[in-house]
Amino acid sequence: MMTYNNILINIHEHILTITVNRPDKLNALNAQTIQEIGDAVKRGEDNKEIAGIIITGSGTKAFIAGADISEFSKYSVEEGKALSAAGHKVFKSIELCKKPVIAAVNGFALGGG
């Protein structure tokens, strides 16, 4: 699997754990994090050694605190629409994943979280 900047991945006993790792931002979703989650879920689904996927957040306060408004507030309308579409595509890929996906919610789960 590739290296990510905003998520951590771990494979243990055929389970892929994806940890959103932005505790200083309460794991808020920015464009890069959304892309990384989508990539990790796809790789997990395609990997025959993976039986299931867990998504969780790092830190003690939040699972995912929604969108990273500090980044998105600078977007044009077109950029915002494109990002929203990308986010919906990732969430849909999680929903339709051929393998079980579980959210290990540990703290606040707000907005897209």
PDB file of N, CA and C in Angstrom:
ATOM      1  N   MET A   1       0.841  -1.190   0.000  1.00  0.00           N
ATOM      2  CA  MET A   1       0.000   0.000   0.000  1.00  0.00           C
ATOM      3  C   MET A   1       0.884   1.251   0.000  1.00  0.00           C
ATOM      4  N   MET A   2       0.329   2.314  -0.493  1.00  0.00           N
ATOM      5  CA  MET A   2       1.099   3.543  -0.614  1.00  0.00           C
ATOM      6  C   MET A   2       1.166   4.280   0.719  1.00  0.00           C
ATOM      7  N   THR A   3       1.994   5.308   0.750  1.00  0.00           N
ATOM      8  CA  THR A   3       2.137   6.151   1.926  1.00  0.00           C
ATOM      9  C   THR A   3       1.110   7.279   1.857  1.00  0.00           C
ATOM     10  N   TYR A   4       0.501   7.575   2.999  1.00  0.00           N
ATOM     11  CA  TYR A   4      -0.502   8.627   3.079  1.00  0.00           C
ATOM     12  C   TYR A   4      -0.031   9.704   4.058  1.00  0.00           C
ATOM     13  N   ASN A   5      -0.561  10.915   3.911  1.00  0.00           N
ATOM     14  CA  ASN A   5      -0.218  12.018   4.800  1.00  0.00           C
ATOM     15  C   ASN A   5      -1.228  12.235   5.922  1.00  0.00           C
ATOM     16  N   ASN A   6      -2.507  11.928   5.659  1.00  0.00           N
ATOM     17  CA  ASN A   6      -3.561  12.252   6.617  1.00  0.00           C
ATOM     18  C   ASN A   6      -4.294  11.053   7.186  1.00  0.00           C
ATOM     19  N   ILE A   7      -3.918   9.875   6.747  1.00  0.00           N
ATOM     20  CA  ILE A   7      -4.496   8.667   7.326  1.00  0.00           C
ATOM     21  C   ILE A   7      -3.374   7.694   7.657  1.00  0.00           C
ATOM     22  N   LEU A   8      -3.672   6.821   8.594  1.00  0.00           N
ATOM     23  CA  LEU A   8      -2.777   5.717   8.927  1.00  0.00           C
ATOM     24  C   LEU A   8      -3.486   4.443   8.525  1.00  0.00           C
ATOM     25  N   ILE A   9      -2.745   3.472   8.041  1.00  0.00           N
ATOM     26  CA  ILE A   9      -3.345   2.190   7.710  1.00  0.00           C
ATOM     27  C   ILE A   9      -2.600   1.090   8.445  1.00  0.00           C
ATOM     28  N   ASN A  10      -3.358   0.078   8.814  1.00  0.00           N
ATOM     29  CA  ASN A  10      -2.792  -1.073   9.495  1.00  0.00           C
ATOM     30  C   ASN A  10      -3.580  -2.296   9.063  1.00  0.00           C
ATOM     31  N   ILE A  11      -2.882  -3.365   8.789  1.00  0.00           N
ATOM     32  CA  ILE A  11      -3.529  -4.631   8.460  1.00  0.00           C
ATOM     33  C   ILE A  11      -3.155  -5.617   9.551  1.00  0.00           C
ATOM     34  N   HIS A  12      -4.188  -6.175  10.182  1.00  0.00           N
ATOM     35  CA  HIS A  12      -3.983  -7.158  11.243  1.00  0.00           C
ATOM     36  C   HIS A  12      -5.078  -8.209  11.125  1.00  0.00           C
ATOM     37  N   GLU A  13      -4.667  -9.450  11.011  1.00  0.00           N
ATOM     38  CA  GLU A  13      -5.599 -10.578  10.910  1.00  0.00           C
ATOM     39  C   GLU A  13      -6.662 -10.345   9.829  1.00  0.00           C
ATOM     40  N   HIS A  14      -6.222  -9.908   8.665  1.00  0.00           N
ATOM     41  CA  HIS A  14      -7.059  -9.718   7.480  1.00  0.00           C
ATOM     42  C   HIS A  14      -8.037  -8.552   7.577  1.00  0.00           C
ATOM     43  N   ILE A  15      -7.829  -7.674   8.557  1.00  0.00           N
ATOM     44  CA  ILE A  15      -8.666  -6.490   8.716  1.00  0.00           C
ATOM     45  C   ILE A  15      -7.806  -5.256   8.453  1.00  0.00           C
ATOM     46  N   LEU A  16      -8.283  -4.418   7.535  1.00  0.00           N
ATOM     47  CA  LEU A  16      -7.623  -3.152   7.246  1.00  0.00           C
ATOM     48  C   LEU A  16      -8.245  -2.080   8.132  1.00  0.00           C
ATOM     49  N   THR A  17      -7.427  -1.437   8.942  1.00  0.00           N
ATOM     50  CA  THR A  17      -7.896  -0.306   9.746  1.00  0.00           C
ATOM     51  C   THR A  17      -7.367   0.970   9.125  1.00  0.00           C
ATOM     52  N   ILE A  18      -8.293   1.881   8.817  1.00  0.00           N
ATOM     53  CA  ILE A  18      -7.966   3.202   8.282  1.00  0.00           C
ATOM     54  C   ILE A  18      -8.239   4.195   9.404  1.00  0.00           C
ATOM     55  N   THR A  19      -7.202   4.905   9.832  1.00  0.00           N
ATOM     56  CA  THR A  19      -7.345   5.887  10.903  1.00  0.00           C
ATOM     57  C   THR A  19      -7.124   7.276  10.332  1.00  0.00           C
ATOM     58  N   VAL A  20      -8.171   8.117  10.384  1.00  0.00           N
ATOM     59  CA  VAL A  20      -8.017   9.510   9.972  1.00  0.00           C
ATOM     60  C   VAL A  20      -7.129  10.161  11.028  1.00  0.00           C
ATOM     61  N   ASN A  21      -6.008  10.713  10.590  1.00  0.00           N
ATOM     62  CA  ASN A  21      -4.966  11.159  11.520  1.00  0.00           C
ATOM     63  C   ASN A  21      -4.712  12.662  11.391  1.00  0.00           C
ATOM     64  N   ARG A  22      -5.702  13.437  11.806  1.00  0.00           N
ATOM     65  CA  ARG A  22      -5.569  14.894  11.859  1.00  0.00           C
ATOM     66  C   ARG A  22      -6.127  15.380  13.201  1.00  0.00           C
ATOM     67  N   PRO A  23      -5.601  14.872  14.304  1.00  0.00           N
ATOM     68  CA  PRO A  23      -6.204  15.197  15.610  1.00  0.00           C
ATOM     69  C   PRO A  23      -6.168  16.688  15.934  1.00  0.00           C
ATOM     70  N   ASP A  24      -5.192  17.418  15.402  1.00  0.00           N
ATOM     71  CA  ASP A  24      -5.125  18.862  15.639  1.00  0.00           C
ATOM     72  C   ASP A  24      -6.282  19.601  14.980  1.00  0.00           C
ATOM     73  N   LYS A  25      -6.922  18.971  13.977  1.00  0.00           N
ATOM     74  CA  LYS A  25      -8.089  19.525  13.291  1.00  0.00           C
ATOM     75  C   LYS A  25      -9.341  18.707  13.614  1.00  0.00           C
ATOM     76  N   LEU A  26      -9.294  17.931  14.701  1.00  0.00           N
ATOM     77  CA  LEU A  26     -10.390  17.030  15.084  1.00  0.00           C
ATOM     78  C   LEU A  26     -10.773  16.091  13.937  1.00  0.00           C
ATOM     79  N   ASN A  27      -9.753  15.718  13.160  1.00  0.00           N
ATOM     80  CA  ASN A  27      -9.905  14.794  12.030  1.00  0.00           C
ATOM     81  C   ASN A  27     -10.863  15.303  10.962  1.00  0.00           C
ATOM     82  N   ALA A  28     -10.989  16.618  10.857  1.00  0.00           N
ATOM     83  CA  ALA A  28     -11.844  17.211   9.826  1.00  0.00           C
ATOM     84  C   ALA A  28     -11.355  16.781   8.441  1.00  0.00           C
ATOM     85  N   LEU A  29     -12.302  16.606   7.535  1.00  0.00           N
ATOM     86  CA  LEU A  29     -11.994  16.126   6.194  1.00  0.00           C
ATOM     87  C   LEU A  29     -11.628  17.272   5.265  1.00  0.00           C
ATOM     88  N   ASN A  30     -10.394  17.236   4.765  1.00  0.00           N
ATOM     89  CA  ASN A  30      -9.999  18.156   3.701  1.00  0.00           C
ATOM     90  C   ASN A  30      -9.916  17.350   2.406  1.00  0.00           C
ATOM     91  N   ALA A  31      -9.614  18.000   1.307  1.00  0.00           N
ATOM     92  CA  ALA A  31      -9.603  17.334   0.001  1.00  0.00           C
ATOM     93  C   ALA A  31      -8.633  16.160  -0.019  1.00  0.00           C
ATOM     94  N   GLN A  32      -7.448  16.340   0.528  1.00  0.00           N
ATOM     95  CA  GLN A  32      -6.449  15.273   0.511  1.00  0.00           C
ATOM     96  C   GLN A  32      -6.905  14.074   1.345  1.00  0.00           C
ATOM     97  N   THR A  33      -7.495  14.336   2.499  1.00  0.00           N
ATOM     98  CA  THR A  33      -7.952  13.248   3.363  1.00  0.00           C
ATOM     99  C   THR A  33      -9.059  12.448   2.684  1.00  0.00           C
ATOM    100  N   ILE A  34      -9.986  13.136   2.042  1.00  0.00           N
ATOM    101  CA  ILE A  34     -11.060  12.456   1.322  1.00  0.00           C
ATOM    102  C   ILE A  34     -10.474  11.554   0.236  1.00  0.00           C
ATOM    103  N   GLN A  35      -9.509  12.073  -0.506  1.00  0.00           N
ATOM    104  CA  GLN A  35      -8.875  11.281  -1.565  1.00  0.00           C
ATOM    105  C   GLN A  35      -8.152  10.070  -0.978  1.00  0.00           C
ATOM    106  N   GLU A  36      -7.448  10.274   0.124  1.00  0.00           N
ATOM    107  CA  GLU A  36      -6.702   9.174   0.742  1.00  0.00           C
ATOM    108  C   GLU A  36      -7.637   8.086   1.270  1.00  0.00           C
ATOM    109  N   ILE A  37      -8.739   8.473   1.884  1.00  0.00           N
ATOM    110  CA  ILE A  37      -9.706   7.481   2.365  1.00  0.00           C
ATOM    111  C   ILE A  37     -10.244   6.675   1.191  1.00  0.00           C
ATOM    112  N   GLY A  38     -10.615   7.365   0.127  1.00  0.00           N
ATOM    113  CA  GLY A  38     -11.127   6.674  -1.060  1.00  0.00           C
ATOM    114  C   GLY A  38     -10.121   5.692  -1.620  1.00  0.00           C
ATOM    115  N   ASP A  39      -8.870   6.096  -1.698  1.00  0.00           N
ATOM    116  CA  ASP A  39      -7.823   5.226  -2.220  1.00  0.00           C
ATOM    117  C   ASP A  39      -7.623   4.010  -1.325  1.00  0.00           C
ATOM    118  N   ALA A  40      -7.580   4.228  -0.012  1.00  0.00           N
ATOM    119  CA  ALA A  40      -7.356   3.124   0.924  1.00  0.00           C
ATOM    120  C   ALA A  40      -8.515   2.128   0.898  1.00  0.00           C
ATOM    121  N   VAL A  41      -9.747   2.627   0.821  1.00  0.00           N
ATOM    122  CA  VAL A  41     -10.906   1.726   0.753  1.00  0.00           C
ATOM    123  C   VAL A  41     -10.841   0.903  -0.527  1.00  0.00           C
ATOM    124  N   LYS A  42     -10.536   1.541  -1.636  1.00  0.00           N
ATOM    125  CA  LYS A  42     -10.441   0.827  -2.918  1.00  0.00           C
ATOM    126  C   LYS A  42      -9.356  -0.243  -2.868  1.00  0.00           C
ATOM    127  N   ARG A  43      -8.198   0.110  -2.329  1.00  0.00           N
ATOM    128  CA  ARG A  43      -7.108  -0.867  -2.232  1.00  0.00           C
ATOM    129  C   ARG A  43      -7.494  -2.021  -1.316  1.00  0.00           C
ATOM    130  N   GLY A  44      -8.187  -1.708  -0.223  1.00  0.00           N
ATOM    131  CA  GLY A  44      -8.647  -2.761   0.680  1.00  0.00           C
ATOM    132  C   GLY A  44      -9.658  -3.682   0.017  1.00  0.00           C
ATOM    133  N   GLU A  45     -10.575  -3.091  -0.744  1.00  0.00           N
ATOM    134  CA  GLU A  45     -11.579  -3.891  -1.443  1.00  0.00           C
ATOM    135  C   GLU A  45     -10.929  -4.788  -2.494  1.00  0.00           C
ATOM    136  N   ASP A  46      -9.911  -4.294  -3.163  1.00  0.00           N
ATOM    137  CA  ASP A  46      -9.241  -5.046  -4.227  1.00  0.00           C
ATOM    138  C   ASP A  46      -8.252  -6.082  -3.698  1.00  0.00           C
ATOM    139  N   ASN A  47      -7.851  -5.972  -2.445  1.00  0.00           N
ATOM    140  CA  ASN A  47      -6.850  -6.867  -1.859  1.00  0.00           C
ATOM    141  C   ASN A  47      -7.539  -8.135  -1.353  1.00  0.00           C
ATOM    142  N   LYS A  48      -7.220  -9.262  -1.958  1.00  0.00           N
ATOM    143  CA  LYS A  48      -7.851 -10.535  -1.591  1.00  0.00           C
ATOM    144  C   LYS A  48      -7.510 -10.969  -0.170  1.00  0.00           C
ATOM    145  N   GLU A  49      -6.460 -10.418   0.402  1.00  0.00           N
ATOM    146  CA  GLU A  49      -6.066 -10.762   1.770  1.00  0.00           C
ATOM    147  C   GLU A  49      -6.890 -10.017   2.825  1.00  0.00           C
ATOM    148  N   ILE A  50      -7.617  -8.988   2.415  1.00  0.00           N
ATOM    149  CA  ILE A  50      -8.412  -8.172   3.338  1.00  0.00           C
ATOM    150  C   ILE A  50      -9.836  -8.716   3.382  1.00  0.00           C
ATOM    151  N   ALA A  51     -10.330  -8.987   4.603  1.00  0.00           N
ATOM    152  CA  ALA A  51     -11.685  -9.510   4.774  1.00  0.00           C
ATOM    153  C   ALA A  51     -12.678  -8.422   5.175  1.00  0.00           C
ATOM    154  N   GLY A  52     -12.195  -7.337   5.763  1.00  0.00           N
ATOM    155  CA  GLY A  52     -13.063  -6.255   6.200  1.00  0.00           C
ATOM    156  C   GLY A  52     -12.254  -5.005   6.470  1.00  0.00           C
ATOM    157  N   ILE A  53     -12.968  -3.884   6.632  1.00  0.00           N
ATOM    158  CA  ILE A  53     -12.324  -2.580   6.804  1.00  0.00           C
ATOM    159  C   ILE A  53     -12.952  -1.871   8.002  1.00  0.00           C
ATOM    160  N   ILE A  54     -12.117  -1.276   8.830  1.00  0.00           N
ATOM    161  CA  ILE A  54     -12.562  -0.437   9.938  1.00  0.00           C
ATOM    162  C   ILE A  54     -12.051   0.977   9.673  1.00  0.00           C
ATOM    163  N   ILE A  55     -12.923   1.958   9.820  1.00  0.00           N
ATOM    164  CA  ILE A  55     -12.526   3.368   9.713  1.00  0.00           C
ATOM    165  C   ILE A  55     -12.704   4.002  11.079  1.00  0.00           C
ATOM    166  N   THR A  56     -11.667   4.673  11.566  1.00  0.00           N
ATOM    167  CA  THR A  56     -11.707   5.328  12.869  1.00  0.00           C
ATOM    168  C   THR A  56     -10.940   6.645  12.798  1.00  0.00           C
ATOM    169  N   GLY A  57     -10.914   7.355  13.901  1.00  0.00           N
ATOM    170  CA  GLY A  57     -10.190   8.622  13.974  1.00  0.00           C
ATOM    171  C   GLY A  57      -9.150   8.587  15.074  1.00  0.00           C
ATOM    172  N   SER A  58      -8.079   9.347  14.901  1.00  0.00           N
ATOM    173  CA  SER A  58      -7.038   9.400  15.929  1.00  0.00           C
ATOM    174  C   SER A  58      -7.409  10.443  16.982  1.00  0.00           C
ATOM    175  N   GLY A  59      -6.751  10.364  18.107  1.00  0.00           N
ATOM    176  CA  GLY A  59      -7.021  11.301  19.190  1.00  0.00           C
ATOM    177  C   GLY A  59      -8.195  10.852  20.036  1.00  0.00           C
ATOM    178  N   THR A  60      -8.538  11.692  21.010  1.00  0.00           N
ATOM    179  CA  THR A  60      -9.572  11.316  21.970  1.00  0.00           C
ATOM    180  C   THR A  60     -10.860  12.120  21.845  1.00  0.00           C
ATOM    181  N   LYS A  61     -10.857  13.171  21.031  1.00  0.00           N
ATOM    182  CA  LYS A  61     -12.028  14.045  20.979  1.00  0.00           C
ATOM    183  C   LYS A  61     -12.987  13.753  19.843  1.00  0.00           C
ATOM    184  N   ALA A  62     -12.474  13.379  18.693  1.00  0.00           N
ATOM    185  CA  ALA A  62     -13.356  13.294  17.534  1.00  0.00           C
ATOM    186  C   ALA A  62     -13.027  12.111  16.640  1.00  0.00           C
ATOM    187  N   PHE A  63     -14.079  11.475  16.158  1.00  0.00           N
ATOM    188  CA  PHE A  63     -13.972  10.496  15.081  1.00  0.00           C
ATOM    189  C   PHE A  63     -13.661  11.281  13.805  1.00  0.00           C
ATOM    190  N   ILE A  64     -14.605  12.093  13.358  1.00  0.00           N
ATOM    191  CA  ILE A  64     -14.408  13.031  12.250  1.00  0.00           C
ATOM    192  C   ILE A  64     -15.335  14.217  12.506  1.00  0.00           C
ATOM    193  N   ALA A  65     -14.765  15.397  12.531  1.00  0.00           N
ATOM    194  CA  ALA A  65     -15.536  16.607  12.839  1.00  0.00           C
ATOM    195  C   ALA A  65     -16.028  17.299  11.571  1.00  0.00           C
ATOM    196  N   GLY A  66     -16.491  16.525  10.600  1.00  0.00           N
ATOM    197  CA  GLY A  66     -17.045  17.105   9.383  1.00  0.00           C
ATOM    198  C   GLY A  66     -15.983  17.623   8.437  1.00  0.00           C
ATOM    199  N   ALA A  67     -16.379  18.612   7.660  1.00  0.00           N
ATOM    200  CA  ALA A  67     -15.499  19.196   6.646  1.00  0.00           C
ATOM    201  C   ALA A  67     -14.529  20.185   7.274  1.00  0.00           C
ATOM    202  N   ASP A  68     -13.353  20.287   6.686  1.00  0.00           N
ATOM    203  CA  ASP A  68     -12.353  21.259   7.121  1.00  0.00           C
ATOM    204  C   ASP A  68     -12.699  22.610   6.490  1.00  0.00           C
ATOM    205  N   ILE A  69     -13.534  23.356   7.171  1.00  0.00           N
ATOM    206  CA  ILE A  69     -14.044  24.622   6.657  1.00  0.00           C
ATOM    207  C   ILE A  69     -12.909  25.610   6.366  1.00  0.00           C
ATOM    208  N   SER A  70     -11.817  25.552   7.129  1.00  0.00           N
ATOM    209  CA  SER A  70     -10.706  26.485   6.901  1.00  0.00           C
ATOM    210  C   SER A  70     -10.132  26.315   5.495  1.00  0.00           C
ATOM    211  N   GLU A  71     -10.165  25.113   4.962  1.00  0.00           N
ATOM    212  CA  GLU A  71      -9.688  24.882   3.594  1.00  0.00           C
ATOM    213  C   GLU A  71     -10.776  25.210   2.574  1.00  0.00           C
ATOM    214  N   PHE A  72     -11.992  24.764   2.822  1.00  0.00           N
ATOM    215  CA  PHE A  72     -13.062  24.882   1.847  1.00  0.00           C
ATOM    216  C   PHE A  72     -13.564  26.305   1.681  1.00  0.00           C
ATOM    217  N   SER A  73     -13.386  27.144   2.675  1.00  0.00           N
ATOM    218  CA  SER A  73     -13.885  28.518   2.581  1.00  0.00           C
ATOM    219  C   SER A  73     -13.168  29.312   1.486  1.00  0.00           C
ATOM    220  N   LYS A  74     -12.017  28.828   1.047  1.00  0.00           N
ATOM    221  CA  LYS A  74     -11.238  29.505   0.007  1.00  0.00           C
ATOM    222  C   LYS A  74     -11.612  29.025  -1.398  1.00  0.00           C
ATOM    223  N   TYR A  75     -12.491  28.040  -1.498  1.00  0.00           N
ATOM    224  CA  TYR A  75     -12.843  27.454  -2.790  1.00  0.00           C
ATOM    225  C   TYR A  75     -13.846  28.323  -3.542  1.00  0.00           C
ATOM    226  N   SER A  76     -13.743  28.289  -4.870  1.00  0.00           N
ATOM    227  CA  SER A  76     -14.774  28.903  -5.714  1.00  0.00           C
ATOM    228  C   SER A  76     -15.998  27.981  -5.694  1.00  0.00           C
ATOM    229  N   VAL A  77     -17.095  28.451  -6.255  1.00  0.00           N
ATOM    230  CA  VAL A  77     -18.302  27.631  -6.333  1.00  0.00           C
ATOM    231  C   VAL A  77     -18.008  26.334  -7.097  1.00  0.00           C
ATOM    232  N   GLU A  78     -17.303  26.447  -8.203  1.00  0.00           N
ATOM    233  CA  GLU A  78     -16.984  25.271  -9.011  1.00  0.00           C
ATOM    234  C   GLU A  78     -16.100  24.292  -8.243  1.00  0.00           C
ATOM    235  N   GLU A  79     -15.096  24.816  -7.541  1.00  0.00           N
ATOM    236  CA  GLU A  79     -14.218  23.952  -6.750  1.00  0.00           C
ATOM    237  C   GLU A  79     -15.006  23.272  -5.633  1.00  0.00           C
ATOM    238  N   GLY A  80     -15.911  24.007  -5.019  1.00  0.00           N
ATOM    239  CA  GLY A  80     -16.745  23.432  -3.960  1.00  0.00           C
ATOM    240  C   GLY A  80     -17.627  22.307  -4.479  1.00  0.00           C
ATOM    241  N   LYS A  81     -18.218  22.517  -5.647  1.00  0.00           N
ATOM    242  CA  LYS A  81     -19.051  21.477  -6.247  1.00  0.00           C
ATOM    243  C   LYS A  81     -18.220  20.243  -6.584  1.00  0.00           C
ATOM    244  N   ALA A  82     -17.024  20.444  -7.123  1.00  0.00           N
ATOM    245  CA  ALA A  82     -16.153  19.322  -7.479  1.00  0.00           C
ATOM    246  C   ALA A  82     -15.741  18.546  -6.228  1.00  0.00           C
ATOM    247  N   LEU A  83     -15.419  19.270  -5.164  1.00  0.00           N
ATOM    248  CA  LEU A  83     -15.031  18.604  -3.922  1.00  0.00           C
ATOM    249  C   LEU A  83     -16.208  17.835  -3.333  1.00  0.00           C
ATOM    250  N   SER A  84     -17.388  18.429  -3.357  1.00  0.00           N
ATOM    251  CA  SER A  84     -18.579  17.752  -2.854  1.00  0.00           C
ATOM    252  C   SER A  84     -18.836  16.470  -3.639  1.00  0.00           C
ATOM    253  N   ALA A  85     -18.691  16.532  -4.943  1.00  0.00           N
ATOM    254  CA  ALA A  85     -18.889  15.347  -5.790  1.00  0.00           C
ATOM    255  C   ALA A  85     -17.852  14.269  -5.463  1.00  0.00           C
ATOM    256  N   ALA A  86     -16.608  14.688  -5.242  1.00  0.00           N
ATOM    257  CA  ALA A  86     -15.552  13.726  -4.895  1.00  0.00           C
ATOM    258  C   ALA A  86     -15.855  13.069  -3.553  1.00  0.00           C
ATOM    259  N   GLY A  87     -16.312  13.860  -2.597  1.00  0.00           N
ATOM    260  CA  GLY A  87     -16.660  13.318  -1.285  1.00  0.00           C
ATOM    261  C   GLY A  87     -17.806  12.328  -1.377  1.00  0.00           C
ATOM    262  N   HIS A  88     -18.835  12.675  -2.145  1.00  0.00           N
ATOM    263  CA  HIS A  88     -19.968  11.763  -2.317  1.00  0.00           C
ATOM    264  C   HIS A  88     -19.531  10.466  -2.992  1.00  0.00           C
ATOM    265  N   LYS A  89     -18.607  10.572  -3.927  1.00  0.00           N
ATOM    266  CA  LYS A  89     -18.098   9.371  -4.607  1.00  0.00           C
ATOM    267  C   LYS A  89     -17.390   8.454  -3.612  1.00  0.00           C
ATOM    268  N   VAL A  90     -16.583   9.031  -2.728  1.00  0.00           N
ATOM    269  CA  VAL A  90     -15.883   8.226  -1.717  1.00  0.00           C
ATOM    270  C   VAL A  90     -16.888   7.592  -0.755  1.00  0.00           C
ATOM    271  N   PHE A  91     -17.847   8.379  -0.269  1.00  0.00           N
ATOM    272  CA  PHE A  91     -18.843   7.828   0.653  1.00  0.00           C
ATOM    273  C   PHE A  91     -19.654   6.722  -0.014  1.00  0.00           C
ATOM    274  N   LYS A  92     -19.975   6.887  -1.292  1.00  0.00           N
ATOM    275  CA  LYS A  92     -20.716   5.859  -2.031  1.00  0.00           C
ATOM    276  C   LYS A  92     -19.860   4.602  -2.180  1.00  0.00           C
ATOM    277  N   SER A  93     -18.552   4.772  -2.392  1.00  0.00           N
ATOM    278  CA  SER A  93     -17.675   3.604  -2.525  1.00  0.00           C
ATOM    279  C   SER A  93     -17.607   2.826  -1.210  1.00  0.00           C
ATOM    280  N   ILE A  94     -17.691   3.527  -0.097  1.00  0.00           N
ATOM    281  CA  ILE A  94     -17.728   2.859   1.206  1.00  0.00           C
ATOM    282  C   ILE A  94     -19.053   2.105   1.347  1.00  0.00           C
ATOM    283  N   GLU A  95     -20.148   2.764   0.986  1.00  0.00           N
ATOM    284  CA  GLU A  95     -21.473   2.148   1.075  1.00  0.00           C
ATOM    285  C   GLU A  95     -21.573   0.892   0.225  1.00  0.00           C
ATOM    286  N   LEU A  96     -20.995   0.931  -0.973  1.00  0.00           N
ATOM    287  CA  LEU A  96     -21.125  -0.182  -1.913  1.00  0.00           C
ATOM    288  C   LEU A  96     -19.950  -1.166  -1.871  1.00  0.00           C
ATOM    289  N   CYS A  97     -19.037  -0.966  -0.949  1.00  0.00           N
ATOM    290  CA  CYS A  97     -17.863  -1.843  -0.838  1.00  0.00           C
ATOM    291  C   CYS A  97     -18.319  -3.300  -0.715  1.00  0.00           C
ATOM    292  N   LYS A  98     -17.645  -4.174  -1.426  1.00  0.00           N
ATOM    293  CA  LYS A  98     -17.991  -5.593  -1.419  1.00  0.00           C
ATOM    294  C   LYS A  98     -17.579  -6.283  -0.120  1.00  0.00           C
ATOM    295  N   LYS A  99     -16.821  -5.575   0.689  1.00  0.00           N
ATOM    296  CA  LYS A  99     -16.392  -6.111   1.979  1.00  0.00           C
ATOM    297  C   LYS A  99     -17.036  -5.286   3.092  1.00  0.00           C
ATOM    298  N   PRO A 100     -17.238  -5.871   4.261  1.00  0.00           N
ATOM    299  CA  PRO A 100     -17.831  -5.102   5.356  1.00  0.00           C
ATOM    300  C   PRO A 100     -16.944  -3.922   5.753  1.00  0.00           C
ATOM    301  N   VAL A 101     -17.580  -2.771   5.948  1.00  0.00           N
ATOM    302  CA  VAL A 101     -16.881  -1.575   6.418  1.00  0.00           C
ATOM    303  C   VAL A 101     -17.574  -1.122   7.697  1.00  0.00           C
ATOM    304  N   ILE A 102     -16.794  -0.974   8.753  1.00  0.00           N
ATOM    305  CA  ILE A 102     -17.316  -0.598  10.069  1.00  0.00           C
ATOM    306  C   ILE A 102     -16.681   0.721  10.477  1.00  0.00           C
ATOM    307  N   ALA A 103     -17.487   1.623  11.011  1.00  0.00           N
ATOM    308  CA  ALA A 103     -16.968   2.859  11.590  1.00  0.00           C
ATOM    309  C   ALA A 103     -16.808   2.658  13.090  1.00  0.00           C
ATOM    310  N   ALA A 104     -15.594   2.783  13.563  1.00  0.00           N
ATOM    311  CA  ALA A 104     -15.312   2.718  15.001  1.00  0.00           C
ATOM    312  C   ALA A 104     -15.321   4.155  15.499  1.00  0.00           C
ATOM    313  N   VAL A 105     -16.508   4.649  15.835  1.00  0.00           N
ATOM    314  CA  VAL A 105     -16.700   6.064  16.190  1.00  0.00           C
ATOM    315  C   VAL A 105     -16.186   6.276  17.613  1.00  0.00           C
ATOM    316  N   ASN A 106     -15.198   7.156  17.707  1.00  0.00           N
ATOM    317  CA  ASN A 106     -14.543   7.429  18.981  1.00  0.00           C
ATOM    318  C   ASN A 106     -14.556   8.928  19.224  1.00  0.00           C
ATOM    319  N   GLY A 107     -15.665   9.457  19.660  1.00  0.00           N
ATOM    320  CA  GLY A 107     -15.771  10.883  19.904  1.00  0.00           C
ATOM    321  C   GLY A 107     -16.769  11.515  18.965  1.00  0.00           C
ATOM    322  N   PHE A 108     -16.639  12.829  18.768  1.00  0.00           N
ATOM    323  CA  PHE A 108     -17.579  13.569  17.930  1.00  0.00           C
ATOM    324  C   PHE A 108     -17.595  13.032  16.507  1.00  0.00           C
ATOM    325  N   ALA A 109     -18.777  12.897  15.953  1.00  0.00           N
ATOM    326  CA  ALA A 109     -18.970  12.535  14.550  1.00  0.00           C
ATOM    327  C   ALA A 109     -19.927  13.592  13.995  1.00  0.00           C
ATOM    328  N   LEU A 110     -19.386  14.589  13.342  1.00  0.00           N
ATOM    329  CA  LEU A 110     -20.168  15.739  12.896  1.00  0.00           C
ATOM    330  C   LEU A 110     -20.159  15.848  11.374  1.00  0.00           C
ATOM    331  N   GLY A 111     -21.180  16.453  10.811  1.00  0.00           N
ATOM    332  CA  GLY A 111     -21.234  16.675   9.371  1.00  0.00           C
ATOM    333  C   GLY A 111     -20.996  15.394   8.601  1.00  0.00           C
ATOM    334  N   GLY A 112     -20.047  15.422   7.684  1.00  0.00           N
ATOM    335  CA  GLY A 112     -19.692  14.257   6.876  1.00  0.00           C
ATOM    336  C   GLY A 112     -19.122  13.109   7.690  1.00  0.00           C
ATOM    337  N   GLY A 113     -18.728  13.386   8.920  1.00  0.00           N
ATOM    338  CA  GLY A 113     -18.217  12.337   9.798  1.00  0.00           C
ATOM    339  C   GLY A 113     -19.305  11.343  10.146  1.00  0.00           C
TER     340      GLY A 113
END
